[in-house]
């Protein structure tokens, strides 16, 4: 997932953040490093989960990417009463911007998976919103072209074209088995793809 595309989308479609949207890879690092004015947000690629391969001669797997949006809002009391009202507005904007939006042409639309309070102190409240999107790794080996994603897709174009085969038939002599003499030979040739 292109996290920069997510950041750009949030900056454009979540006016509550006033373009104060960043990105990170680790929640703890983002929590320690954020000094943006509030409200602000950070998009975090939280990992992926892959289904088993569906092909025997290549690779085709469904993969689900998880995207977290850490929203930081102002708070003036430790229990978070002042932040609670703002979190509802943040969630409404995030759902409007992300639920059903596709982060790239190969991705399914994002689905909302819920949210959690991460941290509350006297100055700020940190709230995590979770989204997922699915995509497919690999292509059927018969449709390999540019943009290979897996080793079979890299290797397949290197193979020599199968142009035909030859064989011979040694009839079995009843009671004695094959005698080693080839009685019939054959050759099967296949025209190059696209030519008959």
C-alpha atoms as a PDB file:
ATOM      1  CA  UNK A   1       0.000   0.000   0.000  1.00  0.00           C
ATOM      2  CA  UNK A   2       1.253   3.451  -0.868  1.00  0.00           C
ATOM      3  CA  UNK A   3       1.026   5.204   2.497  1.00  0.00           C
ATOM      4  CA  UNK A   4       1.787   8.547   0.836  1.00  0.00           C
ATOM      5  CA  UNK A   5      -1.394   8.190  -1.235  1.00  0.00           C
ATOM      6  CA  UNK A   6      -3.362   7.648   1.989  1.00  0.00           C
ATOM      7  CA  UNK A   7      -1.794  10.739   3.567  1.00  0.00           C
ATOM      8  CA  UNK A   8      -2.585  12.873   0.503  1.00  0.00           C
ATOM      9  CA  UNK A   9      -6.167  11.609   0.458  1.00  0.00           C
ATOM     10  CA  UNK A  10      -6.678  12.392   4.148  1.00  0.00           C
ATOM     11  CA  UNK A  11      -5.162  15.858   3.759  1.00  0.00           C
ATOM     12  CA  UNK A  12      -7.609  16.607   0.965  1.00  0.00           C
ATOM     13  CA  UNK A  13     -10.753  15.021   2.436  1.00  0.00           C
ATOM     14  CA  UNK A  14     -10.482  15.538   6.212  1.00  0.00           C
ATOM     15  CA  UNK A  15     -10.687  19.303   6.793  1.00  0.00           C
ATOM     16  CA  UNK A  16     -10.787  18.864  10.576  1.00  0.00           C
ATOM     17  CA  UNK A  17      -7.055  18.004  10.506  1.00  0.00           C
ATOM     18  CA  UNK A  18      -6.197  21.152   8.480  1.00  0.00           C
ATOM     19  CA  UNK A  19      -3.723  19.055   6.399  1.00  0.00           C
ATOM     20  CA  UNK A  20      -1.879  17.980   9.599  1.00  0.00           C
ATOM     21  CA  UNK A  21      -1.560  14.339   8.511  1.00  0.00           C
ATOM     22  CA  UNK A  22       1.686  12.349   8.541  1.00  0.00           C
ATOM     23  CA  UNK A  23       2.702   8.708   8.268  1.00  0.00           C
ATOM     24  CA  UNK A  24       4.674   6.133  10.186  1.00  0.00           C
ATOM     25  CA  UNK A  25       5.423   2.436  10.426  1.00  0.00           C
ATOM     26  CA  UNK A  26       5.351   1.798  14.164  1.00  0.00           C
ATOM     27  CA  UNK A  27       2.710   3.028  16.601  1.00  0.00           C
ATOM     28  CA  UNK A  28       5.171   3.601  19.462  1.00  0.00           C
ATOM     29  CA  UNK A  29       7.529   5.589  17.246  1.00  0.00           C
ATOM     30  CA  UNK A  30       4.641   7.694  15.978  1.00  0.00           C
ATOM     31  CA  UNK A  31       3.423   8.346  19.539  1.00  0.00           C
ATOM     32  CA  UNK A  32       6.878   9.482  20.634  1.00  0.00           C
ATOM     33  CA  UNK A  33       7.610  11.588  17.563  1.00  0.00           C
ATOM     34  CA  UNK A  34       4.362  13.458  17.044  1.00  0.00           C
ATOM     35  CA  UNK A  35       4.581  17.137  17.898  1.00  0.00           C
ATOM     36  CA  UNK A  36       1.949  18.384  15.445  1.00  0.00           C
ATOM     37  CA  UNK A  37      -0.717  20.811  16.611  1.00  0.00           C
ATOM     38  CA  UNK A  38      -4.030  19.137  17.320  1.00  0.00           C
ATOM     39  CA  UNK A  39      -6.190  17.808  15.871  1.00  0.00           C
ATOM     40  CA  UNK A  40      -3.819  15.816  13.676  1.00  0.00           C
ATOM     41  CA  UNK A  41      -3.446  12.267  12.378  1.00  0.00           C
ATOM     42  CA  UNK A  42      -0.872   9.743  11.298  1.00  0.00           C
ATOM     43  CA  UNK A  43      -1.412   6.883   8.833  1.00  0.00           C
ATOM     44  CA  UNK A  44       0.339   3.649   9.828  1.00  0.00           C
ATOM     45  CA  UNK A  45       0.771   0.526   7.687  1.00  0.00           C
ATOM     46  CA  UNK A  46       0.081  -2.072  10.377  1.00  0.00           C
ATOM     47  CA  UNK A  47       0.976  -5.234   8.432  1.00  0.00           C
ATOM     48  CA  UNK A  48      -0.718  -7.791   6.228  1.00  0.00           C
ATOM     49  CA  UNK A  49      -2.128 -11.307   6.309  1.00  0.00           C
ATOM     50  CA  UNK A  50      -1.926 -13.694   3.333  1.00  0.00           C
ATOM     51  CA  UNK A  51      -4.129 -16.650   2.411  1.00  0.00           C
ATOM     52  CA  UNK A  52      -2.495 -19.884   1.151  1.00  0.00           C
ATOM     53  CA  UNK A  53      -1.407 -20.097  -2.489  1.00  0.00           C
ATOM     54  CA  UNK A  54      -4.182 -21.221  -4.883  1.00  0.00           C
ATOM     55  CA  UNK A  55      -1.955 -22.378  -7.769  1.00  0.00           C
ATOM     56  CA  UNK A  56       0.296 -25.398  -8.290  1.00  0.00           C
ATOM     57  CA  UNK A  57       2.328 -23.886 -11.130  1.00  0.00           C
ATOM     58  CA  UNK A  58       2.571 -20.294  -9.934  1.00  0.00           C
ATOM     59  CA  UNK A  59       1.608 -17.976  -7.128  1.00  0.00           C
ATOM     60  CA  UNK A  60      -1.802 -16.456  -6.534  1.00  0.00           C
ATOM     61  CA  UNK A  61      -2.657 -15.379  -3.012  1.00  0.00           C
ATOM     62  CA  UNK A  62      -5.215 -13.064  -1.478  1.00  0.00           C
ATOM     63  CA  UNK A  63      -3.547 -10.572   0.864  1.00  0.00           C
ATOM     64  CA  UNK A  64      -5.251  -8.277   3.387  1.00  0.00           C
ATOM     65  CA  UNK A  65      -3.391  -5.074   4.351  1.00  0.00           C
ATOM     66  CA  UNK A  66      -4.237  -3.341   7.621  1.00  0.00           C
ATOM     67  CA  UNK A  67      -4.181   0.447   7.840  1.00  0.00           C
ATOM     68  CA  UNK A  68      -4.332   2.317  11.141  1.00  0.00           C
ATOM     69  CA  UNK A  69      -5.106   5.991  11.494  1.00  0.00           C
ATOM     70  CA  UNK A  70      -3.917   7.475  14.778  1.00  0.00           C
ATOM     71  CA  UNK A  71      -5.934  10.610  15.516  1.00  0.00           C
ATOM     72  CA  UNK A  72      -4.661  13.069  18.131  1.00  0.00           C
ATOM     73  CA  UNK A  73      -7.130  15.537  19.607  1.00  0.00           C
ATOM     74  CA  UNK A  74      -6.906  18.184  22.319  1.00  0.00           C
ATOM     75  CA  UNK A  75      -7.853  17.282  25.861  1.00  0.00           C
ATOM     76  CA  UNK A  76      -7.997  19.485  28.958  1.00  0.00           C
ATOM     77  CA  UNK A  77      -8.920  16.864  31.524  1.00  0.00           C
ATOM     78  CA  UNK A  78      -7.274  13.508  32.143  1.00  0.00           C
ATOM     79  CA  UNK A  79     -10.457  11.399  31.883  1.00  0.00           C
ATOM     80  CA  UNK A  80     -10.941  12.693  28.317  1.00  0.00           C
ATOM     81  CA  UNK A  81     -14.350  14.312  28.516  1.00  0.00           C
ATOM     82  CA  UNK A  82     -13.352  17.214  26.266  1.00  0.00           C
ATOM     83  CA  UNK A  83     -11.780  14.874  23.715  1.00  0.00           C
ATOM     84  CA  UNK A  84     -14.811  12.577  23.496  1.00  0.00           C
ATOM     85  CA  UNK A  85     -16.872  15.052  21.471  1.00  0.00           C
ATOM     86  CA  UNK A  86     -14.034  15.685  19.018  1.00  0.00           C
ATOM     87  CA  UNK A  87     -13.400  11.953  18.491  1.00  0.00           C
ATOM     88  CA  UNK A  88     -16.948  11.593  17.127  1.00  0.00           C
ATOM     89  CA  UNK A  89     -16.248  14.305  14.545  1.00  0.00           C
ATOM     90  CA  UNK A  90     -12.898  12.714  13.642  1.00  0.00           C
ATOM     91  CA  UNK A  91     -14.517   9.311  13.149  1.00  0.00           C
ATOM     92  CA  UNK A  92     -17.220  10.807  10.915  1.00  0.00           C
ATOM     93  CA  UNK A  93     -14.584  12.475   8.700  1.00  0.00           C
ATOM     94  CA  UNK A  94     -12.381   9.366   8.538  1.00  0.00           C
ATOM     95  CA  UNK A  95     -15.310   7.134   7.614  1.00  0.00           C
ATOM     96  CA  UNK A  96     -16.451   9.582   4.941  1.00  0.00           C
ATOM     97  CA  UNK A  97     -12.913   9.761   3.504  1.00  0.00           C
ATOM     98  CA  UNK A  98     -11.770   6.128   3.804  1.00  0.00           C
ATOM     99  CA  UNK A  99     -14.676   3.668   4.038  1.00  0.00           C
ATOM    100  CA  UNK A 100     -15.191   2.452   0.476  1.00  0.00           C
ATOM    101  CA  UNK A 101     -12.152   4.321  -0.917  1.00  0.00           C
ATOM    102  CA  UNK A 102      -9.540   2.258  -2.772  1.00  0.00           C
ATOM    103  CA  UNK A 103      -5.897   3.151  -1.985  1.00  0.00           C
ATOM    104  CA  UNK A 104      -4.756   1.987  -5.439  1.00  0.00           C
ATOM    105  CA  UNK A 105      -6.105   0.363  -8.592  1.00  0.00           C
ATOM    106  CA  UNK A 106      -5.213  -3.167  -7.455  1.00  0.00           C
ATOM    107  CA  UNK A 107      -6.818  -2.778  -4.010  1.00  0.00           C
ATOM    108  CA  UNK A 108     -10.360  -3.501  -2.892  1.00  0.00           C
ATOM    109  CA  UNK A 109     -12.171  -0.594  -1.209  1.00  0.00           C
ATOM    110  CA  UNK A 110     -11.199  -0.020   2.424  1.00  0.00           C
ATOM    111  CA  UNK A 111     -13.410  -1.484   5.146  1.00  0.00           C
ATOM    112  CA  UNK A 112     -13.740  -0.059   8.647  1.00  0.00           C
ATOM    113  CA  UNK A 113     -12.807  -2.519  11.418  1.00  0.00           C
ATOM    114  CA  UNK A 114     -13.259  -0.450  14.573  1.00  0.00           C
ATOM    115  CA  UNK A 115     -11.340   1.853  16.895  1.00  0.00           C
ATOM    116  CA  UNK A 116      -9.661   2.009  20.303  1.00  0.00           C
ATOM    117  CA  UNK A 117      -8.402   4.567  22.786  1.00  0.00           C
ATOM    118  CA  UNK A 118      -4.596   4.375  22.829  1.00  0.00           C
ATOM    119  CA  UNK A 119      -3.670   7.002  25.389  1.00  0.00           C
ATOM    120  CA  UNK A 120      -5.198   9.947  27.230  1.00  0.00           C
ATOM    121  CA  UNK A 121      -3.301  12.595  29.206  1.00  0.00           C
ATOM    122  CA  UNK A 122      -4.092  16.138  30.368  1.00  0.00           C
ATOM    123  CA  UNK A 123      -3.158  17.663  26.991  1.00  0.00           C
ATOM    124  CA  UNK A 124      -4.074  15.107  24.318  1.00  0.00           C
ATOM    125  CA  UNK A 125      -6.134  12.031  23.524  1.00  0.00           C
ATOM    126  CA  UNK A 126      -4.863   9.422  21.045  1.00  0.00           C
ATOM    127  CA  UNK A 127      -7.442   7.330  19.234  1.00  0.00           C
ATOM    128  CA  UNK A 128      -6.693   4.527  16.755  1.00  0.00           C
ATOM    129  CA  UNK A 129      -9.019   3.759  13.817  1.00  0.00           C
ATOM    130  CA  UNK A 130      -8.511   0.454  11.935  1.00  0.00           C
ATOM    131  CA  UNK A 131      -9.198  -0.199   8.239  1.00  0.00           C
ATOM    132  CA  UNK A 132      -8.422  -3.146   5.937  1.00  0.00           C
ATOM    133  CA  UNK A 133      -8.137  -3.652   2.192  1.00  0.00           C
ATOM    134  CA  UNK A 134      -7.529  -6.778   0.100  1.00  0.00           C
ATOM    135  CA  UNK A 135      -5.396  -7.312  -3.003  1.00  0.00           C
ATOM    136  CA  UNK A 136      -4.090 -10.263  -5.011  1.00  0.00           C
ATOM    137  CA  UNK A 137      -0.450 -11.319  -5.163  1.00  0.00           C
ATOM    138  CA  UNK A 138       0.578 -12.926  -8.442  1.00  0.00           C
ATOM    139  CA  UNK A 139      -1.168 -13.651 -11.681  1.00  0.00           C
ATOM    140  CA  UNK A 140      -2.124 -16.850 -13.481  1.00  0.00           C
ATOM    141  CA  UNK A 141       1.036 -18.099 -15.195  1.00  0.00           C
ATOM    142  CA  UNK A 142      -0.668 -17.940 -18.589  1.00  0.00           C
ATOM    143  CA  UNK A 143      -1.131 -14.173 -18.292  1.00  0.00           C
ATOM    144  CA  UNK A 144       2.407 -13.260 -17.243  1.00  0.00           C
ATOM    145  CA  UNK A 145       3.780 -10.097 -18.767  1.00  0.00           C
ATOM    146  CA  UNK A 146       5.543  -7.012 -17.529  1.00  0.00           C
ATOM    147  CA  UNK A 147       5.326  -6.178 -13.870  1.00  0.00           C
ATOM    148  CA  UNK A 148       6.134  -9.624 -12.478  1.00  0.00           C
ATOM    149  CA  UNK A 149       5.449  -9.932  -8.752  1.00  0.00           C
ATOM    150  CA  UNK A 150       6.552 -13.505  -8.027  1.00  0.00           C
ATOM    151  CA  UNK A 151       9.398 -15.817  -9.043  1.00  0.00           C
ATOM    152  CA  UNK A 152       7.318 -17.972 -11.440  1.00  0.00           C
ATOM    153  CA  UNK A 153       6.329 -14.778 -13.273  1.00  0.00           C
ATOM    154  CA  UNK A 154       9.999 -13.849 -13.633  1.00  0.00           C
ATOM    155  CA  UNK A 155      11.066 -17.342 -14.664  1.00  0.00           C
ATOM    156  CA  UNK A 156       8.294 -18.239 -17.130  1.00  0.00           C
ATOM    157  CA  UNK A 157       9.350 -15.848 -19.936  1.00  0.00           C
ATOM    158  CA  UNK A 158      12.878 -17.330 -19.768  1.00  0.00           C
ATOM    159  CA  UNK A 159      11.699 -20.847 -20.666  1.00  0.00           C
ATOM    160  CA  UNK A 160      12.290 -22.138 -24.184  1.00  0.00           C
ATOM    161  CA  UNK A 161       9.081 -22.391 -26.174  1.00  0.00           C
ATOM    162  CA  UNK A 162       7.725 -25.944 -26.378  1.00  0.00           C
ATOM    163  CA  UNK A 163       7.759 -26.602 -30.117  1.00  0.00           C
ATOM    164  CA  UNK A 164       7.042 -30.311 -30.233  1.00  0.00           C
ATOM    165  CA  UNK A 165       8.045 -33.792 -29.140  1.00  0.00           C
ATOM    166  CA  UNK A 166       9.311 -37.053 -30.598  1.00  0.00           C
ATOM    167  CA  UNK A 167       8.710 -40.600 -29.496  1.00  0.00           C
ATOM    168  CA  UNK A 168       9.063 -44.226 -30.465  1.00  0.00           C
ATOM    169  CA  UNK A 169       7.024 -47.394 -29.980  1.00  0.00           C
ATOM    170  CA  UNK A 170       8.596 -50.757 -29.163  1.00  0.00           C
ATOM    171  CA  UNK A 171       5.919 -53.420 -29.483  1.00  0.00           C
ATOM    172  CA  UNK A 172       5.849 -56.022 -26.782  1.00  0.00           C
ATOM    173  CA  UNK A 173       6.661 -59.496 -27.977  1.00  0.00           C
ATOM    174  CA  UNK A 174       4.160 -61.688 -26.126  1.00  0.00           C
ATOM    175  CA  UNK A 175       5.935 -63.613 -23.424  1.00  0.00           C
ATOM    176  CA  UNK A 176       9.276 -61.845 -23.944  1.00  0.00           C
ATOM    177  CA  UNK A 177       8.496 -58.145 -23.336  1.00  0.00           C
ATOM    178  CA  UNK A 178       9.982 -55.298 -25.425  1.00  0.00           C
ATOM    179  CA  UNK A 179      12.821 -56.407 -27.727  1.00  0.00           C
ATOM    180  CA  UNK A 180      14.540 -53.022 -28.077  1.00  0.00           C
ATOM    181  CA  UNK A 181      13.540 -52.496 -31.721  1.00  0.00           C
ATOM    182  CA  UNK A 182      11.551 -49.350 -32.436  1.00  0.00           C
ATOM    183  CA  UNK A 183       8.764 -50.341 -34.787  1.00  0.00           C
ATOM    184  CA  UNK A 184       7.125 -46.910 -35.077  1.00  0.00           C
ATOM    185  CA  UNK A 185       8.403 -43.378 -34.586  1.00  0.00           C
ATOM    186  CA  UNK A 186       6.400 -40.157 -34.372  1.00  0.00           C
ATOM    187  CA  UNK A 187       6.907 -36.431 -34.053  1.00  0.00           C
ATOM    188  CA  UNK A 188       4.321 -33.876 -32.959  1.00  0.00           C
ATOM    189  CA  UNK A 189       5.056 -30.221 -33.662  1.00  0.00           C
ATOM    190  CA  UNK A 190       3.211 -27.251 -32.248  1.00  0.00           C
ATOM    191  CA  UNK A 191       3.039 -23.997 -34.216  1.00  0.00           C
ATOM    192  CA  UNK A 192       4.428 -20.935 -32.448  1.00  0.00           C
ATOM    193  CA  UNK A 193       1.778 -19.070 -30.492  1.00  0.00           C
ATOM    194  CA  UNK A 194      -0.192 -16.748 -32.704  1.00  0.00           C
ATOM    195  CA  UNK A 195       0.678 -18.632 -35.962  1.00  0.00           C
ATOM    196  CA  UNK A 196      -1.364 -21.515 -37.323  1.00  0.00           C
END
